[in-house]
Amino acid sequence: MNHRRIQIAEALAHYAAEFFVRESNGTSLITVTRADVSPDLKNSTIYISVMPESAEQDALAFAKRNRTELKAFIHKAGIGRPPFIEVVIDYGEKNRQAVDEGLRGK
């Protein structure tokens, strides 16, 4: 990934995390784990994890429902014209946590 894509991805992750803290209803914790940006800078994917896990689908629905507001928030924060935003559950992070728990003997 080139330097510009990395900068945009990091900024998207930062502002998305700030947006979810401000806008969520507090029934679950939505954590932005990372963001990826396409080579043409027109599309992005924001990866999230949710606690408790039972609230995962509701939190994902909330995040997807509020993509327009998220994009406006990011635009106001200073990222020119933000790319299209997709939000998904970070299953890689979930798998890493499961491995960590297994290694700790839980």
Protein backbone atom coordinates (compact mmCIF):
# COMPACT_ATOMS: atom_id res chain seq x y z
CA MET A 1 0.00 0.00 0.00
CA ASN A 2 1.41 3.42 -0.90
CA HIS A 3 1.92 6.24 1.59
CA ARG A 4 -1.23 8.19 0.57
CA ARG A 5 -3.47 5.12 0.93
CA ILE A 6 -1.97 4.39 4.35
CA GLN A 7 -2.61 7.97 5.47
CA ILE A 8 -6.21 7.90 4.28
CA ALA A 9 -6.84 4.48 5.84
CA GLU A 10 -5.45 5.61 9.20
CA ALA A 11 -7.51 8.81 9.13
CA LEU A 12 -10.67 6.89 8.20
CA ALA A 13 -10.14 4.46 11.08
CA HIS A 14 -9.52 7.31 13.52
CA TYR A 15 -12.56 9.38 12.50
CA ALA A 16 -14.82 6.33 12.25
CA ALA A 17 -13.87 5.36 15.82
CA GLU A 18 -14.64 8.89 17.00
CA PHE A 19 -17.97 8.87 15.15
CA PHE A 20 -19.07 5.53 16.64
CA VAL A 21 -18.21 6.70 20.17
CA ARG A 22 -20.29 9.86 19.67
CA GLU A 23 -23.25 8.35 17.86
CA SER A 24 -23.76 4.86 19.31
CA ASN A 25 -26.33 4.36 22.03
CA GLY A 26 -23.86 2.75 24.41
CA THR A 27 -25.49 -0.69 24.54
CA SER A 28 -22.38 -2.12 22.89
CA LEU A 29 -18.76 -1.15 22.39
CA ILE A 30 -17.87 -0.68 18.73
CA THR A 31 -14.12 -0.72 18.16
CA VAL A 32 -12.61 0.18 14.80
CA THR A 33 -9.75 -2.25 14.29
CA ARG A 34 -8.51 -0.98 10.93
CA ALA A 35 -9.49 0.46 7.56
CA ASP A 36 -8.46 -0.41 4.02
CA VAL A 37 -8.64 1.84 0.95
CA SER A 38 -8.77 0.70 -2.68
CA PRO A 39 -5.87 1.64 -4.98
CA ASP A 40 -8.04 4.22 -6.80
CA LEU A 41 -9.01 5.79 -3.40
CA LYS A 42 -12.72 5.51 -4.29
CA ASN A 43 -13.72 2.68 -1.93
CA SER A 44 -12.87 1.84 1.65
CA THR A 45 -13.67 -0.85 4.17
CA ILE A 46 -13.81 -0.12 7.88
CA TYR A 47 -13.35 -3.18 10.09
CA ILE A 48 -15.02 -3.26 13.49
CA SER A 49 -15.26 -5.52 16.50
CA VAL A 50 -18.21 -5.41 18.89
CA MET A 51 -18.57 -6.23 22.57
CA PRO A 52 -20.64 -7.98 23.71
CA GLU A 53 -20.62 -10.37 20.80
CA SER A 54 -24.39 -10.84 21.14
CA ALA A 55 -24.83 -7.21 19.98
CA GLU A 56 -22.68 -7.69 16.88
CA GLN A 57 -25.44 -7.77 14.27
CA ASP A 58 -27.28 -4.79 15.76
CA ALA A 59 -24.05 -2.77 15.90
CA LEU A 60 -23.17 -3.69 12.32
CA ALA A 61 -26.67 -2.68 11.18
CA PHE A 62 -26.26 0.64 13.04
CA ALA A 63 -22.88 1.26 11.39
CA LYS A 64 -24.19 0.46 7.91
CA ARG A 65 -27.32 2.57 8.44
CA ASN A 66 -25.20 5.58 9.40
CA ARG A 67 -22.62 5.45 6.60
CA THR A 68 -23.89 8.69 5.06
CA GLU A 69 -23.55 10.52 8.37
CA LEU A 70 -20.14 8.92 8.92
CA LYS A 71 -18.98 10.09 5.51
CA ALA A 72 -20.20 13.64 6.26
CA PHE A 73 -18.41 13.56 9.65
CA ILE A 74 -15.17 12.45 7.99
CA HIS A 75 -15.52 15.12 5.31
CA LYS A 76 -15.97 17.85 7.95
CA ALA A 77 -12.96 16.50 9.85
CA GLY A 78 -10.71 17.26 6.92
CA ILE A 79 -10.45 14.35 4.49
CA GLY A 80 -11.51 16.16 1.33
CA ARG A 81 -13.97 13.91 -0.42
CA PRO A 82 -14.08 10.60 1.49
CA PRO A 83 -14.31 7.33 -0.44
CA PHE A 84 -17.38 5.10 -0.42
CA ILE A 85 -17.44 3.37 2.96
CA GLU A 86 -18.28 -0.25 3.67
CA VAL A 87 -18.36 -1.49 7.27
CA VAL A 88 -17.71 -5.14 8.15
CA ILE A 89 -16.99 -7.26 11.20
CA ASP A 90 -13.26 -7.93 11.58
CA TYR A 91 -13.25 -11.72 11.68
CA GLY A 92 -9.46 -11.75 11.61
CA GLU A 93 -9.45 -9.95 14.95
CA LYS A 94 -12.05 -12.36 16.33
CA ASN A 95 -9.88 -15.31 15.29
CA ARG A 96 -6.80 -13.72 16.86
CA GLN A 97 -8.67 -13.26 20.14
CA ALA A 98 -9.82 -16.89 20.07
CA VAL A 99 -6.24 -18.07 19.56
CA ASP A 100 -5.05 -15.84 22.42
CA GLU A 101 -7.72 -17.28 24.74
CA GLY A 102 -6.78 -20.80 23.69
CA LEU A 103 -3.13 -20.17 24.45
CA ARG A 104 -4.04 -18.83 27.87
CA GLY A 105 -6.06 -21.98 28.58
CA LYS A 106 -9.50 -20.37 28.87
